[in-house]
Amino acid sequence: MSYYFISIGGSGAKVLEALTHLCVAGVMPTREEINILAIDPDSGNGNLERSGFALNSYIKFQKLSVGNDTPLFKTKMTLIKPFPWNPIEIDKTLDDLMDYQIYKGGSLGNLYEVLYTRRERNTKLNEGFRGHPSIGAAVLAKKYTLRDNKNTQWTDFIQKIKQDANNGGEIKIFFAGSVFGGTGASGMPTIARLLRNDLKDNSPDKNTILIGGAFILPYFSFPPPAEADKLFARSENFLTNTKAALKYYAQRENVFNAMYFVGDSHVTHFQKFSIGAATQKNDAHIVDFYAALAAIDFFNQPADYSQVYNCIFHNDSNKFSWSDFPALEEIENGDAKDFEFRKRFAKFARFVFAYVHFIKPVLRGLSSGDIKDYQYPWYVDYFSEADIVNTGAVKNFEDYAESFVTWLKQLETLQDREVALIKSAMFESRPARIVNAEEFYACDGVITNPKLTLHEVWYRLTEDLNLDSSINGFGKFLRRLYEACDA
């Protein structure tokens, strides 16, 4: 079985960020590797930069030896490069990309002038498709179809899928993007349809290669741009765009085996308008979390599952809690079994909190010589044989831990409503640290073991876990710390 995840645009990038953190925490149903492809004409997009940072940090340390009998780091992720794929060359307009000068004055040129306004045709697309899916659909279709020397990753990507299919494996491809903006709204149907057509010989009945998608519905707004005469995405058009998109999916032949529509009726209001690029860096949102869980649900479904229509909603309109999420399963040795999502996620959160709160400062102090190693028996047990502290794996894990805490803090801070998953009042994110250590054991709101304090974690680290001899290095220490955080 082979998994592929394709993020499209800024909304897709935020779903990718959430999926990355869930995979590191071991929430994926199997140990299958996920191949990641990101598509965004706005390659400097702040949302994509943040998700890419977390993903790249994980990819660098995911080969640490922690053993196969733990959910920690169990799902491997691989980037399909370049990351992201940018279908637009710098400072190009729609006229440039569609070779308008060649067709100008002819029937095709005249039709083109009718379909697109002068402003749409002459605006440089460095920051994306500006909330105009009609622009994105044309550009993406042409770039996908051409597959010239500058676009070999599409050929390589499709060949990889075909090879996996020819080897007898089941293929699952999941898209994530919005239906109301520019890049996601144009890319989701366009790329999925072209991809399905390319792979039809490998999956004539659509049961060998399964395609799913998380379609993000409007959940935020922003003030209108100061330069109202220019081509920008406008939040007042989101509902109209969504209606048109849903009508399209209802009337056209559906290339998706599964469609997940994720939105929020309570609109989050952003205070600043951003065209795109680095300033488009929206905080993590509960919608991203649900969409990432939709990807996990799709990967977990059997190939022959029948068409179902489910609706998930939360009990309290002013609060999100663990009871608002569906049950999850994981598959080990071909057998599916339920696991407590809440317990696993909370354990991982405690693991990261414990690391950034006292492991990281101790390692820095030991490395600089400011403190002595005999004060920390676990350091002697796990680190003394090699200069592990100064390896790239340690730095990459610390970078990831910081990104996880920042993401979690944003996820827990929802405008006008409460997100009661992990207590945000107990930690800060810049830099990551615990400000209320007394709530460490009950960070998810459940008093499972009031004795599980940070002091208890320190003592547990000195105990022998009897780990497999193949587990070694920094990975061995992280595995021991992870188990020490079990309530």
Protein backbone atom coordinates (compact mmCIF):
# COMPACT_ATOMS: atom_id res chain seq x y z
CA MET A 1 0.00 0.00 0.00
CA SER A 2 1.27 3.48 -0.87
CA TYR A 3 0.08 6.80 0.53
CA TYR A 4 0.34 10.21 -1.13
CA PHE A 5 -0.69 13.56 0.33
CA ILE A 6 -0.97 16.63 -1.90
CA SER A 7 -1.40 20.05 -0.31
CA ILE A 8 -2.64 22.82 -2.58
CA GLY A 9 -2.36 26.49 -1.63
CA GLY A 10 -2.25 28.10 1.80
CA SER A 11 -5.16 26.16 3.31
CA GLY A 12 -3.65 22.89 2.13
CA ALA A 13 -0.32 23.87 3.71
CA LYS A 14 -2.00 24.35 7.08
CA VAL A 15 -3.57 20.89 6.83
CA LEU A 16 -0.12 19.50 5.99
CA GLU A 17 1.26 21.13 9.14
CA ALA A 18 -1.41 19.47 11.29
CA LEU A 19 -0.91 16.11 9.56
CA THR A 20 2.85 16.29 10.16
CA HIS A 21 2.38 16.75 13.91
CA LEU A 22 -0.18 13.94 14.07
CA CYS A 23 2.15 11.60 12.20
CA VAL A 24 5.08 12.38 14.51
CA ALA A 25 2.77 11.66 17.47
CA GLY A 26 1.94 8.24 15.99
CA VAL A 27 -1.73 8.81 15.18
CA MET A 28 -1.61 7.35 11.64
CA PRO A 29 -3.31 3.94 11.34
CA THR A 30 -0.36 2.08 9.83
CA ARG A 31 3.38 2.36 9.41
CA GLU A 32 3.06 3.07 5.69
CA GLU A 33 5.21 5.93 4.43
CA ILE A 34 3.47 9.08 3.18
CA ASN A 35 4.81 10.80 0.07
CA ILE A 36 4.25 14.56 0.31
CA LEU A 37 3.71 16.89 -2.65
CA ALA A 38 2.97 20.60 -2.16
CA ILE A 39 1.60 22.80 -4.93
CA ASP A 40 1.63 26.57 -4.54
CA PRO A 41 2.39 29.36 -7.02
CA ASP A 42 3.10 31.54 -3.98
CA SER A 43 6.24 29.66 -2.94
CA GLY A 44 7.00 32.29 -0.26
CA ASN A 45 3.64 31.67 1.42
CA GLY A 46 4.05 31.98 5.20
CA ASN A 47 1.70 29.06 5.89
CA LEU A 48 3.75 26.83 3.61
CA GLU A 49 6.99 28.03 5.17
CA ARG A 50 5.78 26.99 8.62
CA SER A 51 4.50 23.57 7.55
CA GLY A 52 7.67 23.00 5.53
CA PHE A 53 9.82 23.83 8.56
CA ALA A 54 8.08 21.25 10.76
CA LEU A 55 8.10 18.65 7.98
CA ASN A 56 11.76 19.13 7.08
CA SER A 57 12.80 18.98 10.73
CA TYR A 58 10.93 15.69 11.13
CA ILE A 59 12.37 14.20 7.95
CA LYS A 60 15.88 14.90 9.25
CA PHE A 61 15.40 13.12 12.59
CA GLN A 62 12.76 10.52 11.69
CA LYS A 63 15.44 7.84 11.16
CA LEU A 64 16.35 7.89 14.83
CA SER A 65 16.36 4.45 16.39
CA VAL A 66 13.31 4.27 18.70
CA GLY A 67 12.08 0.73 17.93
CA ASN A 68 9.07 -0.66 16.08
CA ASP A 69 7.02 -1.39 19.21
CA THR A 70 6.09 2.26 19.80
CA PRO A 71 3.81 4.71 17.98
CA LEU A 72 6.48 7.41 18.36
CA PHE A 73 7.76 8.53 14.92
CA LYS A 74 6.16 5.42 13.38
CA THR A 75 4.88 7.14 10.21
CA LYS A 76 7.67 8.18 7.87
CA MET A 77 7.20 11.11 5.51
CA THR A 78 9.06 11.74 2.25
CA LEU A 79 9.11 14.99 0.26
CA ILE A 80 8.56 14.94 -3.48
CA LYS A 81 10.85 17.69 -4.70
CA PRO A 82 10.90 20.48 -5.54
CA PHE A 83 9.03 21.54 -2.43
CA PRO A 84 6.80 23.24 -3.21
CA TRP A 85 6.09 22.83 -6.88
CA ASN A 86 5.54 26.33 -8.26
CA PRO A 87 3.75 26.25 -11.65
CA ILE A 88 4.56 29.91 -12.34
CA GLU A 89 7.84 31.52 -13.28
CA ILE A 90 8.68 34.79 -11.56
CA ASP A 91 7.00 38.00 -12.74
CA LYS A 92 4.71 36.20 -15.18
CA THR A 93 1.15 37.26 -16.00
CA LEU A 94 -1.67 35.12 -17.31
CA ASP A 95 -1.00 36.53 -20.80
CA ASP A 96 2.59 35.31 -20.53
CA LEU A 97 1.66 31.86 -19.26
CA MET A 98 -1.08 31.28 -21.85
CA ASP A 99 1.04 32.60 -24.79
CA TYR A 100 -1.53 35.25 -25.58
CA GLN A 101 0.68 37.04 -28.12
CA ILE A 102 0.66 33.95 -30.33
CA TYR A 103 -3.14 33.83 -30.51
CA LYS A 104 -3.85 37.57 -30.37
CA GLY A 105 -6.24 38.67 -33.11
CA GLY A 106 -7.39 35.13 -33.90
CA SER A 107 -10.45 33.23 -32.75
CA LEU A 108 -8.69 31.69 -29.76
CA GLY A 109 -7.29 35.07 -28.74
CA ASN A 110 -10.73 36.66 -29.00
CA LEU A 111 -12.29 33.90 -26.89
CA TYR A 112 -9.54 34.31 -24.31
CA GLU A 113 -10.24 38.07 -24.11
CA VAL A 114 -13.92 37.32 -23.45
CA LEU A 115 -13.16 34.81 -20.66
CA TYR A 116 -10.67 36.95 -18.73
CA THR A 117 -10.68 40.61 -17.80
CA ARG A 118 -7.71 42.81 -18.63
CA ARG A 119 -6.86 43.02 -14.93
CA GLU A 120 -6.85 39.21 -14.62
CA ARG A 121 -4.65 38.91 -17.67
CA ASN A 122 -2.08 41.55 -16.73
CA THR A 123 -1.57 41.01 -12.98
CA LYS A 124 1.71 39.35 -12.03
CA LEU A 125 0.98 36.06 -10.28
CA ASN A 126 4.00 35.86 -7.96
CA GLU A 127 1.65 35.72 -4.92
CA GLY A 128 -0.69 33.14 -6.38
CA PHE A 129 -3.99 33.28 -8.21
CA ARG A 130 -5.45 36.12 -6.08
CA GLY A 131 -8.67 34.29 -5.23
CA HIS A 132 -9.54 33.73 -8.91
CA PRO A 133 -9.84 29.96 -9.54
CA SER A 134 -10.49 30.51 -13.24
CA ILE A 135 -6.91 31.75 -13.56
CA GLY A 136 -5.50 28.85 -11.57
CA ALA A 137 -7.45 26.19 -13.47
CA ALA A 138 -6.06 27.39 -16.81
CA VAL A 139 -2.47 27.67 -15.60
CA LEU A 140 -2.42 24.36 -13.73
CA ALA A 141 -4.03 22.44 -16.58
CA LYS A 142 -1.52 23.78 -19.07
CA LYS A 143 1.50 23.23 -16.84
CA TYR A 144 0.37 19.72 -15.95
CA THR A 145 -0.29 18.79 -19.57
CA LEU A 146 2.94 20.21 -21.01
CA ARG A 147 5.34 18.42 -18.71
CA ASP A 148 8.29 20.15 -20.30
CA ASN A 149 11.84 20.01 -19.02
CA LYS A 150 10.93 22.48 -16.30
CA ASN A 151 8.14 20.23 -15.05
CA THR A 152 9.72 16.80 -14.86
CA GLN A 153 8.51 16.26 -11.29
CA TRP A 154 5.00 15.57 -12.60
CA THR A 155 6.33 12.84 -14.87
CA ASP A 156 8.41 11.41 -12.03
CA PHE A 157 5.48 11.67 -9.62
CA ILE A 158 3.06 9.85 -11.92
CA GLN A 159 5.64 7.20 -12.82
CA LYS A 160 6.18 6.51 -9.12
CA ILE A 161 2.45 5.99 -8.60
CA LYS A 162 2.23 3.73 -11.66
CA GLN A 163 5.19 1.69 -10.48
CA ASP A 164 3.59 1.22 -7.06
CA ALA A 165 0.34 0.17 -8.77
CA ASN A 166 2.12 -2.25 -11.11
CA ASN A 167 3.77 -3.87 -8.11
CA GLY A 168 0.34 -4.89 -6.94
CA GLY A 169 -0.05 -2.32 -4.22
CA GLU A 170 -3.09 -0.27 -3.39
CA ILE A 171 -2.60 3.47 -3.90
CA LYS A 172 -4.27 6.16 -1.83
CA ILE A 173 -3.91 9.81 -2.85
CA PHE A 174 -5.32 12.56 -0.66
CA PHE A 175 -5.70 16.23 -1.59
CA ALA A 176 -6.19 19.15 0.81
CA GLY A 177 -7.16 22.67 -0.21
CA SER A 178 -9.89 25.28 0.00
CA VAL A 179 -12.93 25.56 -2.26
CA PHE A 180 -13.29 29.33 -1.86
CA GLY A 181 -9.88 30.83 -2.71
CA GLY A 182 -7.70 30.69 -5.79
CA THR A 183 -5.06 27.96 -5.70
CA GLY A 184 -7.01 25.31 -3.79
CA ALA A 185 -10.30 25.98 -5.54
CA SER A 186 -8.65 25.63 -8.95
CA GLY A 187 -6.15 22.92 -8.10
CA MET A 188 -8.34 20.41 -6.29
CA PRO A 189 -10.64 19.54 -9.22
CA THR A 190 -8.13 20.25 -11.99
CA ILE A 191 -5.18 18.23 -10.72
CA ALA A 192 -7.38 15.40 -9.43
CA ARG A 193 -9.14 15.03 -12.79
CA LEU A 194 -5.91 15.15 -14.80
CA LEU A 195 -4.26 12.70 -12.42
CA ARG A 196 -7.22 10.31 -12.60
CA ASN A 197 -7.09 10.43 -16.39
CA ASP A 198 -3.34 9.75 -16.39
CA LEU A 199 -3.79 6.73 -14.13
CA LYS A 200 -6.93 5.25 -15.72
CA ASP A 201 -5.04 2.31 -17.25
CA ASN A 202 -3.68 1.41 -13.83
CA SER A 203 -7.06 1.65 -12.13
CA PRO A 204 -9.90 1.17 -14.66
CA ASP A 205 -12.54 0.70 -11.94
CA LYS A 206 -11.10 3.37 -9.58
CA ASN A 207 -10.61 0.72 -6.86
CA THR A 208 -6.86 0.25 -7.23
CA ILE A 209 -5.95 3.91 -7.05
CA LEU A 210 -8.18 5.74 -4.59
CA ILE A 211 -8.38 9.53 -4.50
CA GLY A 212 -9.75 11.44 -1.54
CA GLY A 213 -9.80 15.07 -0.53
CA ALA A 214 -10.40 17.48 2.32
CA PHE A 215 -12.32 20.44 0.90
CA ILE A 216 -11.94 23.40 3.22
CA LEU A 217 -15.05 25.58 3.44
CA PRO A 218 -14.95 29.27 4.47
CA TYR A 219 -14.10 29.78 8.12
CA PHE A 220 -12.31 33.15 8.19
CA SER A 221 -12.57 36.68 6.87
CA PHE A 222 -10.27 39.67 6.57
CA PRO A 223 -10.70 43.39 5.93
CA PRO A 224 -10.81 44.55 2.31
CA PRO A 225 -7.48 45.61 0.77
CA ALA A 226 -6.57 49.28 0.77
CA GLU A 227 -5.93 49.19 -2.98
CA ALA A 228 -9.42 48.14 -3.97
CA ASP A 229 -8.78 48.51 -7.70
CA LYS A 230 -6.24 45.68 -7.81
CA LEU A 231 -6.72 41.93 -8.18
CA PHE A 232 -7.00 40.40 -4.71
CA ALA A 233 -8.84 37.62 -2.94
CA ARG A 234 -11.87 39.11 -1.18
CA SER A 235 -13.49 37.36 1.77
CA GLU A 236 -16.90 38.79 0.90
CA ASN A 237 -16.81 36.52 -2.17
CA PHE A 238 -16.01 33.33 -0.27
CA LEU A 239 -19.58 32.10 0.09
CA THR A 240 -20.37 32.81 -3.55
CA ASN A 241 -17.22 30.99 -4.64
CA THR A 242 -18.10 28.07 -2.37
CA LYS A 243 -21.61 27.78 -3.79
CA ALA A 244 -20.22 27.69 -7.33
CA ALA A 245 -17.59 25.09 -6.35
CA LEU A 246 -20.09 22.78 -4.67
CA LYS A 247 -22.40 23.04 -7.66
CA TYR A 248 -19.49 22.05 -9.90
CA TYR A 249 -18.75 18.95 -7.83
CA ALA A 250 -22.44 18.00 -7.77
CA GLN A 251 -22.91 18.26 -11.53
CA ARG A 252 -19.62 16.91 -12.89
CA GLU A 253 -18.49 13.30 -12.89
CA ASN A 254 -16.80 12.79 -9.56
CA VAL A 255 -13.18 11.65 -9.73
CA PHE A 256 -12.92 11.41 -5.96
CA ASN A 257 -13.59 8.19 -4.08
CA ALA A 258 -14.07 10.13 -0.87
CA MET A 259 -14.78 13.80 -0.19
CA TYR A 260 -14.52 15.44 3.23
CA PHE A 261 -16.01 18.92 3.57
CA VAL A 262 -14.57 20.71 6.59
CA GLY A 263 -15.61 24.16 7.72
CA ASP A 264 -16.74 26.31 10.61
CA SER A 265 -19.93 28.35 10.80
CA HIS A 266 -18.26 30.66 13.31
CA VAL A 267 -16.12 33.02 11.21
CA THR A 268 -12.64 33.87 12.51
CA HIS A 269 -11.80 37.49 11.74
CA PHE A 270 -8.21 38.28 10.81
CA GLN A 271 -7.17 41.85 11.50
CA LYS A 272 -4.74 42.27 8.62
CA PHE A 273 -5.07 41.74 4.90
CA SER A 274 -2.30 39.93 3.05
CA ILE A 275 -1.86 39.44 -0.69
CA GLY A 276 0.31 36.42 -0.02
CA ALA A 277 4.02 35.66 0.38
CA ALA A 278 5.59 35.69 3.87
CA THR A 279 2.86 37.87 5.40
CA GLN A 280 0.24 35.19 4.73
CA LYS A 281 0.92 33.31 7.92
CA ASN A 282 -2.42 32.50 9.54
CA ASP A 283 -2.49 30.81 12.93
CA ALA A 284 -3.33 27.13 13.18
CA HIS A 285 -7.07 26.47 13.43
CA ILE A 286 -9.26 23.60 14.57
CA VAL A 287 -10.41 23.26 10.94
CA ASP A 288 -6.85 22.25 9.97
CA PHE A 289 -6.91 19.62 12.72
CA TYR A 290 -10.18 18.10 11.51
CA ALA A 291 -8.97 18.10 7.89
CA ALA A 292 -5.77 16.27 8.87
CA LEU A 293 -7.90 13.70 10.69
CA ALA A 294 -9.93 13.36 7.50
CA ALA A 295 -6.74 12.34 5.68
CA ILE A 296 -6.01 9.79 8.41
CA ASP A 297 -9.55 8.44 8.14
CA PHE A 298 -9.19 8.08 4.36
CA PHE A 299 -5.88 6.23 4.66
CA ASN A 300 -7.52 3.95 7.23
CA GLN A 301 -10.53 2.98 5.10
CA PRO A 302 -10.62 -0.34 3.21
CA ALA A 303 -10.44 -0.18 -0.58
CA ASP A 304 -13.93 -1.59 -1.03
CA TYR A 305 -15.76 0.50 1.52
CA SER A 306 -19.21 1.59 0.37
CA GLN A 307 -20.28 5.17 -0.14
CA VAL A 308 -21.31 6.69 3.18
CA TYR A 309 -22.44 10.15 4.20
CA ASN A 310 -21.43 11.14 7.69
CA CYS A 311 -21.73 14.42 9.52
CA ILE A 312 -19.52 15.29 12.47
CA PHE A 313 -20.41 18.22 14.66
CA HIS A 314 -19.49 19.33 18.16
CA ASN A 315 -21.80 19.28 21.13
CA ASP A 316 -21.14 22.79 22.43
CA SER A 317 -21.02 25.60 19.85
CA ASN A 318 -18.65 27.57 22.08
CA LYS A 319 -16.24 24.75 22.88
CA PHE A 320 -14.25 21.99 21.19
CA SER A 321 -13.30 18.99 23.34
CA TRP A 322 -12.00 15.46 22.87
CA SER A 323 -15.55 14.08 22.70
CA ASP A 324 -16.01 15.97 19.41
CA PHE A 325 -13.63 13.66 17.54
CA PRO A 326 -14.38 10.23 16.07
CA ALA A 327 -12.81 7.03 17.33
CA LEU A 328 -9.56 6.06 15.64
CA GLU A 329 -8.04 2.69 14.81
CA GLU A 330 -4.54 1.57 14.04
CA ILE A 331 -3.42 -1.45 12.09
CA GLU A 332 -0.64 -3.71 13.31
CA ASN A 333 0.15 -7.01 11.61
CA GLY A 334 -3.03 -6.77 9.58
CA ASP A 335 -5.30 -6.37 12.62
CA ALA A 336 -7.24 -3.21 13.38
CA LYS A 337 -7.69 -2.09 16.95
CA ASP A 338 -9.02 1.02 18.61
CA PHE A 339 -6.67 3.30 20.47
CA GLU A 340 -7.43 6.24 22.70
CA PHE A 341 -6.60 9.25 20.55
CA ARG A 342 -6.79 11.58 23.52
CA LYS A 343 -4.37 9.54 25.61
CA ARG A 344 -1.82 9.16 22.82
CA PHE A 345 -1.86 12.83 21.84
CA ALA A 346 -1.61 13.95 25.49
CA LYS A 347 1.32 11.60 26.08
CA PHE A 348 3.12 13.05 23.09
CA ALA A 349 2.40 16.61 24.27
CA ARG A 350 3.84 15.80 27.71
CA PHE A 351 6.86 14.24 26.00
CA VAL A 352 7.55 17.44 24.05
CA PHE A 353 6.84 19.66 27.07
CA ALA A 354 9.24 17.62 29.21
CA TYR A 355 11.94 17.93 26.57
CA VAL A 356 11.73 21.68 26.02
CA HIS A 357 11.18 22.48 29.70
CA PHE A 358 14.07 20.68 31.32
CA ILE A 359 15.88 18.28 28.97
CA LYS A 360 16.90 20.93 26.45
CA PRO A 361 18.26 23.40 29.08
CA VAL A 362 20.17 20.59 30.81
CA LEU A 363 21.74 19.41 27.54
CA ARG A 364 22.76 22.98 26.71
CA GLY A 365 24.26 23.43 30.16
CA LEU A 366 26.13 20.13 30.01
CA SER A 367 27.44 20.90 26.55
CA SER A 368 28.78 24.30 27.67
CA GLY A 369 30.23 22.93 30.91
CA ASP A 370 28.04 25.12 33.11
CA ILE A 371 26.68 22.04 34.91
CA LYS A 372 28.23 18.63 35.65
CA ASP A 373 27.05 15.35 34.18
CA TYR A 374 27.14 13.44 37.51
CA GLN A 375 24.10 15.46 38.57
CA TYR A 376 22.04 13.76 35.86
CA PRO A 377 22.33 9.95 35.89
CA TRP A 378 20.18 9.65 32.75
CA TYR A 379 22.73 11.77 30.88
CA VAL A 380 25.51 9.39 31.88
CA ASP A 381 23.36 6.41 30.84
CA TYR A 382 22.30 7.72 27.44
CA PHE A 383 24.76 10.37 26.31
CA SER A 384 28.21 9.85 27.80
CA GLU A 385 29.49 7.37 25.21
CA ALA A 386 29.36 9.86 22.35
CA ASP A 387 28.99 13.56 21.73
CA ILE A 388 25.30 13.11 20.94
CA VAL A 389 24.33 16.55 22.22
CA ASN A 390 26.05 18.31 19.35
CA THR A 391 24.67 16.15 16.55
CA GLY A 392 22.30 17.43 13.88
CA ALA A 393 19.60 15.02 15.04
CA VAL A 394 19.38 16.78 18.40
CA LYS A 395 19.16 20.22 16.79
CA ASN A 396 16.52 19.05 14.31
CA PHE A 397 14.41 17.51 17.05
CA GLU A 398 14.64 20.67 19.12
CA ASP A 399 13.58 22.74 16.10
CA TYR A 400 10.63 20.42 15.58
CA ALA A 401 9.65 20.55 19.27
CA GLU A 402 9.55 24.36 19.13
CA SER A 403 7.36 24.24 16.00
CA PHE A 404 4.98 21.73 17.63
CA VAL A 405 4.49 23.88 20.73
CA THR A 406 3.90 26.99 18.60
CA TRP A 407 1.34 25.12 16.49
CA LEU A 408 -0.38 23.69 19.57
CA LYS A 409 -0.60 27.09 21.26
CA GLN A 410 -2.25 28.54 18.15
CA LEU A 411 -4.61 25.58 17.87
CA GLU A 412 -5.71 26.05 21.47
CA THR A 413 -6.30 29.80 21.08
CA LEU A 414 -9.50 30.12 19.08
CA GLN A 415 -11.26 33.44 18.71
CA ASP A 416 -14.26 33.76 21.06
CA ARG A 417 -14.40 30.01 21.79
CA GLU A 418 -12.61 27.41 23.86
CA VAL A 419 -10.52 24.54 22.56
CA ALA A 420 -10.21 22.09 25.46
CA LEU A 421 -7.68 19.59 24.15
CA ILE A 422 -4.37 20.55 25.78
CA LYS A 423 -4.42 23.29 28.44
CA SER A 424 -2.88 26.28 26.72
CA ALA A 425 -2.58 28.17 30.01
CA MET A 426 0.16 25.79 31.16
CA PHE A 427 2.69 26.64 28.45
CA GLU A 428 4.16 29.41 26.33
CA SER A 429 5.41 28.97 22.80
CA ARG A 430 8.17 31.56 22.20
CA PRO A 431 10.40 29.95 23.27
CA ALA A 432 8.57 26.77 24.19
CA ARG A 433 8.34 26.34 27.97
CA ILE A 434 5.95 25.29 30.71
CA VAL A 435 4.65 28.10 32.93
CA ASN A 436 2.44 25.92 35.15
CA ALA A 437 4.27 22.67 35.83
CA GLU A 438 1.59 21.58 38.31
CA GLU A 439 -0.74 20.80 35.39
CA PHE A 440 1.79 18.66 33.53
CA TYR A 441 0.13 15.36 34.44
CA ALA A 442 -3.35 16.62 33.50
CA CYS A 443 -2.44 18.66 30.44
CA ASP A 444 -5.45 17.19 28.58
CA GLY A 445 -7.86 17.92 31.41
CA VAL A 446 -7.93 14.36 32.75
CA ILE A 447 -6.41 13.52 36.14
CA THR A 448 -5.16 10.05 35.24
CA ASN A 449 -2.11 9.94 37.48
CA PRO A 450 -1.54 12.94 39.77
CA LYS A 451 1.88 11.52 40.66
CA LEU A 452 3.12 12.05 37.10
CA THR A 453 4.99 15.27 37.69
CA LEU A 454 8.13 16.51 35.96
CA HIS A 455 10.04 15.26 39.01
CA GLU A 456 8.55 11.83 38.47
CA VAL A 457 9.64 11.91 34.82
CA TRP A 458 13.18 12.74 35.99
CA TYR A 459 13.24 9.68 38.26
CA ARG A 460 11.72 7.42 35.60
CA LEU A 461 14.56 8.35 33.27
CA THR A 462 17.00 6.72 35.70
CA GLU A 463 15.15 3.38 35.57
CA ASP A 464 16.02 0.61 33.14
CA LEU A 465 13.37 0.17 30.43
CA ASN A 466 14.88 -3.03 28.98
CA LEU A 467 14.77 -1.68 25.46
CA ASP A 468 15.77 -3.75 22.46
CA SER A 469 19.53 -3.70 21.93
CA SER A 470 19.03 -2.37 18.39
CA ILE A 471 17.68 0.90 19.83
CA ASN A 472 20.57 3.27 20.37
CA GLY A 473 21.87 6.82 20.37
CA PHE A 474 19.67 9.87 20.78
CA GLY A 475 16.66 7.86 19.63
CA LYS A 476 17.08 5.56 22.63
CA PHE A 477 16.92 8.53 24.99
CA LEU A 478 13.83 9.98 23.27
CA ARG A 479 12.13 6.60 23.51
CA ARG A 480 12.92 6.46 27.22
CA LEU A 481 11.61 9.98 27.76
CA TYR A 482 8.46 9.18 25.79
CA GLU A 483 7.74 6.12 27.95
CA ALA A 484 8.47 8.15 31.08
CA CYS A 485 5.60 10.47 30.15
CA ASP A 486 3.01 7.68 30.15
CA ALA A 487 0.19 8.37 32.58
